[in-house]
Amino acid sequence: MNTRRCHIRSARRGLSLIEVLVALTILVLAMGAISRLVEIGTDRGADARMHTRGTRLAQAKMAEIESGALSLTDGLLEGEFTDDDAGWSYQITTEAGGPPNLLLVHVRVSRTLQGRTFELVLSQYVFDPTLMGSAAQAERPAIDSGNATDPGMGTDPGMGTDPGMGMGTATGGMSP
């Protein structure tokens, strides 16, 4: 009887070959799924970086247009970015936006990376900087010294109490 107990204990000391194969199959399937998830995450991270970079480049070109550094007279302007942004290209198109000096500007930036083309378009209404002039060219309105009944009109027209005058009014740019 003593030998029979010893034989039963020794038969169940390790794992069977089928148990090991099943465990390895589960491990391989799990590793395949995890590697696919890592690949998807990496692709989404690259897409996010491309979107962020493209947005910043488009905003930078739009700022150049608003400042007058780039001419809008041609209607179509194309080029390549340089230095750290090599590989990115831009295309700027304009169309009339209504009033004589208001233009609808489309800035399109694009890049091809690993066989995939990424493209971002930024559109914005912009006053033509060549027709706007600068604050230095603006003339101050003439002050009528005979009209002393309006307490809001003093020597500085920007500090009056009239809600249409002074701070908070803008003639161009973005409004809140």
N, C-alpha and C. Protein backbone atom coordinates (compact mmCIF):
# COMPACT_ATOMS: atom_id res chain seq x y z
N MET A 1 0.80 -1.17 0.00
CA MET A 1 0.00 0.00 0.00
C MET A 1 0.86 1.26 0.00
N ASN A 2 1.94 1.20 0.64
CA ASN A 2 2.85 2.31 0.73
C ASN A 2 3.43 2.67 -0.64
N THR A 3 3.66 1.72 -1.47
CA THR A 3 4.21 1.98 -2.81
C THR A 3 3.17 2.62 -3.72
N ARG A 4 1.92 2.29 -3.50
CA ARG A 4 0.86 2.85 -4.34
C ARG A 4 0.70 4.36 -4.06
N ARG A 5 0.76 4.79 -2.83
CA ARG A 5 0.67 6.20 -2.49
C ARG A 5 1.85 6.97 -3.08
N CYS A 6 2.93 6.45 -3.07
CA CYS A 6 4.14 7.09 -3.59
C CYS A 6 4.04 7.24 -5.11
N HIS A 7 3.47 6.27 -5.80
CA HIS A 7 3.32 6.31 -7.24
C HIS A 7 2.31 7.39 -7.66
N ILE A 8 1.24 7.59 -6.91
CA ILE A 8 0.24 8.60 -7.22
C ILE A 8 0.81 10.00 -7.03
N ARG A 9 1.58 10.21 -5.98
CA ARG A 9 2.19 11.52 -5.74
C ARG A 9 3.19 11.88 -6.83
N SER A 10 3.97 10.97 -7.27
CA SER A 10 4.99 11.27 -8.27
C SER A 10 4.40 11.51 -9.64
N ALA A 11 3.21 11.03 -9.94
CA ALA A 11 2.59 11.22 -11.24
C ALA A 11 2.08 12.64 -11.43
N ARG A 12 1.74 13.40 -10.39
CA ARG A 12 1.17 14.75 -10.50
C ARG A 12 2.12 15.85 -10.04
N ARG A 13 3.39 15.64 -10.07
CA ARG A 13 4.32 16.66 -9.60
C ARG A 13 4.49 17.82 -10.58
N GLY A 14 4.38 17.67 -11.86
CA GLY A 14 4.60 18.73 -12.84
C GLY A 14 3.37 18.96 -13.70
N LEU A 15 3.54 19.79 -14.76
CA LEU A 15 2.46 20.08 -15.70
C LEU A 15 2.55 19.12 -16.88
N SER A 16 1.41 18.82 -17.43
CA SER A 16 1.42 17.95 -18.60
C SER A 16 1.80 18.77 -19.83
N LEU A 17 2.16 18.11 -20.91
CA LEU A 17 2.56 18.76 -22.14
C LEU A 17 1.40 19.57 -22.73
N ILE A 18 0.21 19.09 -22.63
CA ILE A 18 -0.96 19.80 -23.16
C ILE A 18 -1.18 21.10 -22.39
N GLU A 19 -1.03 21.08 -21.09
CA GLU A 19 -1.20 22.30 -20.28
C GLU A 19 -0.16 23.35 -20.66
N VAL A 20 1.06 22.92 -20.90
CA VAL A 20 2.12 23.85 -21.29
C VAL A 20 1.82 24.44 -22.67
N LEU A 21 1.37 23.61 -23.60
CA LEU A 21 1.04 24.11 -24.94
C LEU A 21 -0.14 25.09 -24.92
N VAL A 22 -1.15 24.82 -24.13
CA VAL A 22 -2.28 25.73 -24.01
C VAL A 22 -1.83 27.06 -23.41
N ALA A 23 -1.00 27.02 -22.38
CA ALA A 23 -0.50 28.24 -21.76
C ALA A 23 0.34 29.06 -22.74
N LEU A 24 1.20 28.40 -23.53
CA LEU A 24 2.01 29.10 -24.51
C LEU A 24 1.15 29.70 -25.62
N THR A 25 0.11 28.98 -26.04
CA THR A 25 -0.80 29.52 -27.06
C THR A 25 -1.49 30.77 -26.56
N ILE A 26 -1.97 30.77 -25.35
CA ILE A 26 -2.61 31.95 -24.77
C ILE A 26 -1.62 33.11 -24.68
N LEU A 27 -0.39 32.82 -24.28
CA LEU A 27 0.64 33.85 -24.18
C LEU A 27 0.95 34.46 -25.54
N VAL A 28 1.09 33.64 -26.58
CA VAL A 28 1.41 34.14 -27.92
C VAL A 28 0.26 34.99 -28.45
N LEU A 29 -0.99 34.55 -28.27
CA LEU A 29 -2.14 35.34 -28.72
C LEU A 29 -2.22 36.68 -27.98
N ALA A 30 -1.96 36.66 -26.69
CA ALA A 30 -1.99 37.90 -25.91
C ALA A 30 -0.88 38.85 -26.36
N MET A 31 0.30 38.33 -26.62
CA MET A 31 1.41 39.18 -27.08
C MET A 31 1.10 39.78 -28.45
N GLY A 32 0.47 39.02 -29.34
CA GLY A 32 0.08 39.54 -30.65
C GLY A 32 -0.93 40.67 -30.52
N ALA A 33 -1.92 40.51 -29.64
CA ALA A 33 -2.92 41.55 -29.43
C ALA A 33 -2.29 42.79 -28.81
N ILE A 34 -1.41 42.61 -27.86
CA ILE A 34 -0.76 43.74 -27.20
C ILE A 34 0.14 44.49 -28.18
N SER A 35 0.86 43.77 -29.03
CA SER A 35 1.73 44.46 -30.00
C SER A 35 0.89 45.25 -31.00
N ARG A 36 -0.26 44.74 -31.38
CA ARG A 36 -1.15 45.48 -32.30
C ARG A 36 -1.67 46.75 -31.62
N LEU A 37 -2.02 46.66 -30.35
CA LEU A 37 -2.48 47.84 -29.61
C LEU A 37 -1.37 48.89 -29.49
N VAL A 38 -0.14 48.44 -29.28
CA VAL A 38 0.99 49.37 -29.20
C VAL A 38 1.18 50.05 -30.55
N GLU A 39 1.06 49.30 -31.64
CA GLU A 39 1.19 49.88 -32.98
C GLU A 39 0.11 50.91 -33.26
N ILE A 40 -1.12 50.62 -32.87
CA ILE A 40 -2.22 51.57 -33.05
C ILE A 40 -1.97 52.83 -32.23
N GLY A 41 -1.52 52.67 -31.00
CA GLY A 41 -1.23 53.82 -30.15
C GLY A 41 -0.11 54.68 -30.71
N THR A 42 0.90 54.03 -31.27
CA THR A 42 2.01 54.77 -31.87
C THR A 42 1.53 55.56 -33.09
N ASP A 43 0.68 54.95 -33.92
CA ASP A 43 0.12 55.65 -35.08
C ASP A 43 -0.71 56.85 -34.66
N ARG A 44 -1.53 56.69 -33.63
CA ARG A 44 -2.37 57.80 -33.16
C ARG A 44 -1.50 58.92 -32.57
N GLY A 45 -0.43 58.56 -31.88
CA GLY A 45 0.48 59.57 -31.35
C GLY A 45 1.15 60.36 -32.47
N ALA A 46 1.55 59.65 -33.55
CA ALA A 46 2.16 60.33 -34.70
C ALA A 46 1.14 61.24 -35.37
N ASP A 47 -0.11 60.79 -35.49
CA ASP A 47 -1.16 61.63 -36.06
C ASP A 47 -1.37 62.90 -35.22
N ALA A 48 -1.36 62.75 -33.91
CA ALA A 48 -1.55 63.91 -33.04
C ALA A 48 -0.39 64.89 -33.18
N ARG A 49 0.85 64.36 -33.27
CA ARG A 49 2.00 65.24 -33.46
C ARG A 49 1.93 65.97 -34.81
N MET A 50 1.52 65.25 -35.85
CA MET A 50 1.39 65.87 -37.17
C MET A 50 0.30 66.95 -37.16
N HIS A 51 -0.81 66.67 -36.51
CA HIS A 51 -1.90 67.65 -36.44
C HIS A 51 -1.46 68.90 -35.69
N THR A 52 -0.78 68.71 -34.57
CA THR A 52 -0.29 69.85 -33.78
C THR A 52 0.72 70.67 -34.58
N ARG A 53 1.67 69.99 -35.20
CA ARG A 53 2.70 70.70 -35.96
C ARG A 53 2.09 71.42 -37.16
N GLY A 54 1.19 70.75 -37.87
CA GLY A 54 0.53 71.36 -39.02
C GLY A 54 -0.29 72.58 -38.63
N THR A 55 -0.98 72.49 -37.49
CA THR A 55 -1.77 73.62 -37.01
C THR A 55 -0.87 74.81 -36.69
N ARG A 56 0.24 74.56 -36.03
CA ARG A 56 1.15 75.66 -35.69
C ARG A 56 1.76 76.29 -36.94
N LEU A 57 2.12 75.46 -37.93
CA LEU A 57 2.68 76.01 -39.16
C LEU A 57 1.65 76.84 -39.92
N ALA A 58 0.41 76.36 -39.97
CA ALA A 58 -0.65 77.11 -40.66
C ALA A 58 -0.93 78.43 -39.94
N GLN A 59 -0.95 78.40 -38.62
CA GLN A 59 -1.16 79.64 -37.86
C GLN A 59 -0.01 80.61 -38.06
N ALA A 60 1.20 80.11 -38.17
CA ALA A 60 2.36 80.98 -38.40
C ALA A 60 2.26 81.65 -39.77
N LYS A 61 1.85 80.89 -40.79
CA LYS A 61 1.69 81.49 -42.12
C LYS A 61 0.56 82.51 -42.12
N MET A 62 -0.52 82.21 -41.40
CA MET A 62 -1.63 83.16 -41.32
C MET A 62 -1.18 84.44 -40.62
N ALA A 63 -0.35 84.33 -39.60
CA ALA A 63 0.17 85.51 -38.92
C ALA A 63 1.06 86.33 -39.86
N GLU A 64 1.84 85.66 -40.71
CA GLU A 64 2.66 86.37 -41.69
C GLU A 64 1.77 87.14 -42.67
N ILE A 65 0.65 86.53 -43.05
CA ILE A 65 -0.28 87.20 -43.96
C ILE A 65 -0.90 88.41 -43.29
N GLU A 66 -1.36 88.24 -42.04
CA GLU A 66 -1.99 89.35 -41.32
C GLU A 66 -1.04 90.50 -41.09
N SER A 67 0.24 90.21 -40.89
CA SER A 67 1.21 91.27 -40.64
C SER A 67 1.66 91.96 -41.92
N GLY A 68 1.36 91.37 -43.07
CA GLY A 68 1.77 91.95 -44.34
C GLY A 68 3.10 91.45 -44.83
N ALA A 69 3.70 90.46 -44.14
CA ALA A 69 4.99 89.93 -44.56
C ALA A 69 4.87 89.14 -45.86
N LEU A 70 3.70 88.55 -46.11
CA LEU A 70 3.44 87.85 -47.37
C LEU A 70 2.41 88.63 -48.17
N SER A 71 2.65 88.77 -49.46
CA SER A 71 1.75 89.52 -50.33
C SER A 71 0.58 88.63 -50.74
N LEU A 72 -0.61 89.20 -50.75
CA LEU A 72 -1.81 88.46 -51.14
C LEU A 72 -2.28 88.82 -52.54
N THR A 73 -1.49 89.55 -53.28
CA THR A 73 -1.93 90.02 -54.59
C THR A 73 -1.97 88.92 -55.63
N ASP A 74 -1.20 87.87 -55.47
CA ASP A 74 -1.11 86.83 -56.49
C ASP A 74 -2.33 85.92 -56.50
N GLY A 75 -3.00 85.73 -55.39
CA GLY A 75 -4.15 84.83 -55.31
C GLY A 75 -3.74 83.41 -54.96
N LEU A 76 -2.55 82.96 -55.37
CA LEU A 76 -2.05 81.62 -55.05
C LEU A 76 -0.58 81.73 -54.72
N LEU A 77 -0.23 81.24 -53.57
CA LEU A 77 1.16 81.29 -53.12
C LEU A 77 1.52 79.91 -52.60
N GLU A 78 2.59 79.31 -53.10
CA GLU A 78 3.03 77.97 -52.68
C GLU A 78 4.47 78.02 -52.25
N GLY A 79 4.85 77.10 -51.38
CA GLY A 79 6.23 77.05 -50.94
C GLY A 79 6.48 75.88 -50.01
N GLU A 80 7.73 75.77 -49.60
CA GLU A 80 8.17 74.72 -48.69
C GLU A 80 8.70 75.36 -47.42
N PHE A 81 8.47 74.72 -46.30
CA PHE A 81 9.05 75.17 -45.04
C PHE A 81 10.50 74.69 -44.99
N THR A 82 11.31 75.35 -44.20
CA THR A 82 12.73 75.00 -44.11
C THR A 82 13.11 74.66 -42.68
N ASP A 83 14.36 74.34 -42.48
CA ASP A 83 14.96 74.03 -41.18
C ASP A 83 14.27 72.85 -40.52
N ASP A 84 13.74 73.03 -39.33
CA ASP A 84 13.12 71.94 -38.58
C ASP A 84 11.84 71.45 -39.24
N ASP A 85 11.25 72.26 -40.10
CA ASP A 85 9.97 71.92 -40.72
C ASP A 85 10.13 71.46 -42.16
N ALA A 86 11.35 71.05 -42.53
CA ALA A 86 11.56 70.55 -43.88
C ALA A 86 10.66 69.34 -44.11
N GLY A 87 10.11 69.26 -45.27
CA GLY A 87 9.17 68.19 -45.58
C GLY A 87 7.73 68.67 -45.58
N TRP A 88 7.48 69.79 -44.92
CA TRP A 88 6.14 70.39 -44.91
C TRP A 88 6.06 71.39 -46.06
N SER A 89 4.94 71.43 -46.73
CA SER A 89 4.72 72.42 -47.78
C SER A 89 3.44 73.19 -47.47
N TYR A 90 3.32 74.37 -48.08
CA TYR A 90 2.12 75.18 -47.85
C TYR A 90 1.60 75.71 -49.18
N GLN A 91 0.31 75.99 -49.17
CA GLN A 91 -0.36 76.60 -50.30
C GLN A 91 -1.36 77.60 -49.74
N ILE A 92 -1.29 78.84 -50.21
CA ILE A 92 -2.17 79.91 -49.72
C ILE A 92 -3.02 80.38 -50.88
N THR A 93 -4.33 80.34 -50.69
CA THR A 93 -5.25 80.86 -51.69
C THR A 93 -6.13 81.92 -51.04
N THR A 94 -6.53 82.90 -51.82
CA THR A 94 -7.40 83.96 -51.32
C THR A 94 -8.59 84.12 -52.25
N GLU A 95 -9.68 84.58 -51.67
CA GLU A 95 -10.86 84.93 -52.46
C GLU A 95 -11.54 86.11 -51.79
N ALA A 96 -12.27 86.86 -52.57
CA ALA A 96 -12.95 88.04 -52.04
C ALA A 96 -13.97 87.62 -50.99
N GLY A 97 -14.03 88.40 -49.90
CA GLY A 97 -14.91 88.05 -48.80
C GLY A 97 -16.07 88.98 -48.59
N GLY A 98 -16.31 89.89 -49.48
CA GLY A 98 -17.42 90.81 -49.30
C GLY A 98 -16.96 92.24 -49.48
N PRO A 99 -16.71 92.97 -48.38
CA PRO A 99 -16.22 94.35 -48.51
C PRO A 99 -14.91 94.38 -49.29
N PRO A 100 -14.58 95.54 -49.84
CA PRO A 100 -13.43 95.62 -50.74
C PRO A 100 -12.11 95.14 -50.16
N ASN A 101 -11.86 95.33 -48.89
CA ASN A 101 -10.55 94.94 -48.35
C ASN A 101 -10.62 93.70 -47.46
N LEU A 102 -11.71 92.94 -47.51
CA LEU A 102 -11.84 91.72 -46.72
C LEU A 102 -11.62 90.52 -47.62
N LEU A 103 -10.72 89.65 -47.21
CA LEU A 103 -10.37 88.47 -48.00
C LEU A 103 -10.58 87.21 -47.17
N LEU A 104 -11.00 86.15 -47.82
CA LEU A 104 -11.06 84.84 -47.19
C LEU A 104 -9.78 84.12 -47.59
N VAL A 105 -8.95 83.83 -46.61
CA VAL A 105 -7.63 83.23 -46.85
C VAL A 105 -7.67 81.78 -46.41
N HIS A 106 -7.19 80.89 -47.28
CA HIS A 106 -7.08 79.47 -46.96
C HIS A 106 -5.59 79.12 -46.95
N VAL A 107 -5.10 78.64 -45.82
CA VAL A 107 -3.72 78.18 -45.72
C VAL A 107 -3.77 76.66 -45.59
N ARG A 108 -3.18 75.99 -46.55
CA ARG A 108 -3.18 74.52 -46.59
C ARG A 108 -1.73 74.05 -46.38
N VAL A 109 -1.50 73.29 -45.32
CA VAL A 109 -0.17 72.72 -45.08
C VAL A 109 -0.29 71.20 -45.23
N SER A 110 0.76 70.60 -45.78
CA SER A 110 0.71 69.15 -46.00
C SER A 110 2.10 68.55 -45.88
N ARG A 111 2.09 67.25 -45.61
CA ARG A 111 3.33 66.50 -45.50
C ARG A 111 3.02 65.03 -45.76
N THR A 112 3.92 64.36 -46.46
CA THR A 112 3.80 62.93 -46.67
C THR A 112 4.84 62.25 -45.79
N LEU A 113 4.38 61.33 -44.96
CA LEU A 113 5.27 60.63 -44.04
C LEU A 113 4.89 59.15 -44.04
N GLN A 114 5.83 58.30 -44.34
CA GLN A 114 5.64 56.85 -44.37
C GLN A 114 4.50 56.45 -45.29
N GLY A 115 4.42 57.10 -46.45
CA GLY A 115 3.42 56.77 -47.44
C GLY A 115 2.04 57.35 -47.18
N ARG A 116 1.86 58.05 -46.09
CA ARG A 116 0.56 58.66 -45.77
C ARG A 116 0.68 60.17 -45.89
N THR A 117 -0.30 60.78 -46.54
CA THR A 117 -0.31 62.23 -46.70
C THR A 117 -1.19 62.85 -45.62
N PHE A 118 -0.62 63.81 -44.93
CA PHE A 118 -1.36 64.56 -43.91
C PHE A 118 -1.58 65.96 -44.45
N GLU A 119 -2.81 66.45 -44.35
CA GLU A 119 -3.14 67.78 -44.86
C GLU A 119 -4.05 68.49 -43.87
N LEU A 120 -3.77 69.77 -43.65
CA LEU A 120 -4.58 70.58 -42.75
C LEU A 120 -4.86 71.91 -43.43
N VAL A 121 -6.10 72.38 -43.32
CA VAL A 121 -6.50 73.64 -43.95
C VAL A 121 -7.00 74.59 -42.86
N LEU A 122 -6.45 75.80 -42.84
CA LEU A 122 -6.89 76.86 -41.93
C LEU A 122 -7.49 77.97 -42.79
N SER A 123 -8.74 78.32 -42.55
CA SER A 123 -9.42 79.38 -43.30
C SER A 123 -9.82 80.49 -42.34
N GLN A 124 -9.60 81.73 -42.79
CA GLN A 124 -9.90 82.87 -41.93
C GLN A 124 -10.13 84.10 -42.78
N TYR A 125 -11.07 84.94 -42.35
CA TYR A 125 -11.27 86.23 -42.99
C TYR A 125 -10.20 87.18 -42.48
N VAL A 126 -9.56 87.89 -43.41
CA VAL A 126 -8.46 88.78 -43.07
C VAL A 126 -8.64 90.08 -43.84
N PHE A 127 -8.41 91.19 -43.15
CA PHE A 127 -8.36 92.46 -43.85
C PHE A 127 -7.05 92.53 -44.62
N ASP A 128 -7.12 93.02 -45.84
CA ASP A 128 -5.92 93.12 -46.67
C ASP A 128 -4.94 94.07 -46.00
N PRO A 129 -3.77 93.55 -45.59
CA PRO A 129 -2.82 94.41 -44.85
C PRO A 129 -2.29 95.56 -45.69
N THR A 130 -2.30 95.45 -47.00
CA THR A 130 -1.80 96.55 -47.83
C THR A 130 -2.77 97.73 -47.83
N LEU A 131 -4.03 97.48 -47.53
CA LEU A 131 -5.03 98.54 -47.51
C LEU A 131 -5.34 99.04 -46.10
N MET A 132 -4.89 98.31 -45.09
CA MET A 132 -5.23 98.68 -43.71
C MET A 132 -4.37 99.81 -43.17
N GLY A 133 -3.11 99.83 -43.52
CA GLY A 133 -2.23 100.83 -42.94
C GLY A 133 -1.80 100.41 -41.54
N SER A 134 -1.21 101.34 -40.83
CA SER A 134 -0.76 101.04 -39.48
C SER A 134 -1.32 102.08 -38.51
N ALA A 135 -1.16 101.83 -37.24
CA ALA A 135 -1.64 102.76 -36.23
C ALA A 135 -0.89 104.09 -36.30
N ALA A 136 0.34 104.06 -36.76
CA ALA A 136 1.13 105.29 -36.86
C ALA A 136 0.57 106.21 -37.94
N GLN A 137 -0.12 105.63 -38.94
CA GLN A 137 -0.67 106.44 -40.01
C GLN A 137 -2.05 106.99 -39.68
N ALA A 138 -2.66 106.51 -38.64
CA ALA A 138 -4.01 106.93 -38.28
C ALA A 138 -3.99 108.37 -37.79
N GLU A 139 -5.03 109.09 -38.12
CA GLU A 139 -5.15 110.47 -37.66
C GLU A 139 -6.09 110.51 -36.47
N ARG A 140 -5.76 111.35 -35.52
CA ARG A 140 -6.65 111.53 -34.37
C ARG A 140 -7.83 112.38 -34.79
N PRO A 141 -9.01 112.06 -34.29
CA PRO A 141 -10.17 112.88 -34.65
C PRO A 141 -10.03 114.28 -34.07
N ALA A 142 -10.55 115.23 -34.81
CA ALA A 142 -10.50 116.63 -34.36
C ALA A 142 -11.46 116.81 -33.19
N ILE A 143 -11.00 117.52 -32.18
CA ILE A 143 -11.82 117.76 -30.99
C ILE A 143 -12.43 119.15 -31.12
N ASP A 144 -13.74 119.19 -30.97
CA ASP A 144 -14.47 120.46 -31.05
C ASP A 144 -14.39 121.12 -29.68
N SER A 145 -13.62 122.17 -29.56
CA SER A 145 -13.45 122.84 -28.26
C SER A 145 -14.69 123.62 -27.86
N GLY A 146 -15.59 123.90 -28.77
CA GLY A 146 -16.79 124.66 -28.45
C GLY A 146 -17.86 123.80 -27.78
N ASN A 147 -17.76 122.50 -27.83
CA ASN A 147 -18.77 121.61 -27.26
C ASN A 147 -18.27 121.11 -25.92
N ALA A 148 -18.51 121.84 -24.86
CA ALA A 148 -18.04 121.47 -23.53
C ALA A 148 -19.13 120.81 -22.70
N THR A 149 -20.31 120.53 -23.29
CA THR A 149 -21.40 119.95 -22.52
C THR A 149 -21.27 118.44 -22.36
N ASP A 150 -20.48 117.78 -23.18
CA ASP A 150 -20.32 116.32 -23.09
C ASP A 150 -19.14 116.02 -22.18
N PRO A 151 -19.40 115.49 -20.96
CA PRO A 151 -18.29 115.25 -20.04
C PRO A 151 -17.40 114.10 -20.51
N GLY A 152 -17.85 113.29 -21.42
CA GLY A 152 -17.03 112.17 -21.88
C GLY A 152 -15.98 112.58 -22.87
N MET A 153 -16.11 113.74 -23.44
CA MET A 153 -15.16 114.18 -24.45
C MET A 153 -14.17 115.13 -23.80
N GLY A 154 -12.97 114.69 -23.65
CA GLY A 154 -11.93 115.54 -23.09
C GLY A 154 -10.81 115.63 -24.09
N THR A 155 -9.61 115.71 -23.56
CA THR A 155 -8.47 115.81 -24.46
C THR A 155 -8.06 114.45 -24.98
N ASP A 156 -8.46 113.36 -24.31
CA ASP A 156 -8.08 112.01 -24.75
C ASP A 156 -9.34 111.26 -25.15
N PRO A 157 -9.60 111.06 -26.44
CA PRO A 157 -10.84 110.41 -26.87
C PRO A 157 -10.92 108.96 -26.43
N GLY A 158 -9.84 108.35 -26.03
CA GLY A 158 -9.88 106.95 -25.61
C GLY A 158 -10.37 106.76 -24.20
N MET A 159 -10.54 107.83 -23.43
CA MET A 159 -10.90 107.69 -22.03
C MET A 159 -12.29 108.22 -21.73
N GLY A 160 -13.11 108.43 -22.73
CA GLY A 160 -14.46 108.97 -22.53
C GLY A 160 -15.39 107.95 -21.90
N THR A 161 -16.59 108.42 -21.53
CA THR A 161 -17.57 107.52 -20.92
C THR A 161 -18.55 106.98 -21.94
N ASP A 162 -18.48 107.45 -23.16
CA ASP A 162 -19.36 106.96 -24.20
C ASP A 162 -19.03 105.50 -24.50
N PRO A 163 -20.04 104.58 -24.48
CA PRO A 163 -19.71 103.17 -24.70
C PRO A 163 -19.16 102.89 -26.08
N GLY A 164 -19.37 103.75 -27.02
CA GLY A 164 -18.83 103.53 -28.36
C GLY A 164 -17.42 104.04 -28.51
N MET A 165 -16.89 104.66 -27.50
CA MET A 165 -15.57 105.25 -27.59
C MET A 165 -14.61 104.50 -26.66
N GLY A 166 -13.34 104.63 -26.94
CA GLY A 166 -12.32 104.16 -26.01
C GLY A 166 -12.06 102.67 -26.12
N MET A 167 -11.67 102.11 -25.00
CA MET A 167 -11.23 100.73 -24.97
C MET A 167 -12.39 99.79 -25.19
N GLY A 168 -12.12 98.68 -25.78
CA GLY A 168 -13.14 97.68 -26.00
C GLY A 168 -13.71 97.71 -27.40
N THR A 169 -13.44 98.73 -28.18
CA THR A 169 -13.92 98.76 -29.55
C THR A 169 -12.76 98.42 -30.46
N ALA A 170 -13.02 97.65 -31.46
CA ALA A 170 -11.98 97.25 -32.38
C ALA A 170 -12.50 97.38 -33.80
N THR A 171 -11.62 97.76 -34.70
CA THR A 171 -12.02 97.87 -36.10
C THR A 171 -11.53 96.70 -36.93
N GLY A 172 -10.69 95.89 -36.37
CA GLY A 172 -10.18 94.75 -37.13
C GLY A 172 -9.77 93.64 -36.20
N GLY A 173 -9.35 92.54 -36.76
CA GLY A 173 -8.90 91.42 -35.96
C GLY A 173 -10.05 90.55 -35.52
N MET A 174 -9.82 89.81 -34.46
CA MET A 174 -10.83 88.88 -33.96
C MET A 174 -11.61 89.54 -32.85
N SER A 175 -12.89 89.30 -32.80
CA SER A 175 -13.71 89.82 -31.72
C SER A 175 -14.12 88.68 -30.81
N PRO A 176 -14.35 88.96 -29.51
CA PRO A 176 -14.66 87.88 -28.57
C PRO A 176 -15.99 87.25 -28.81
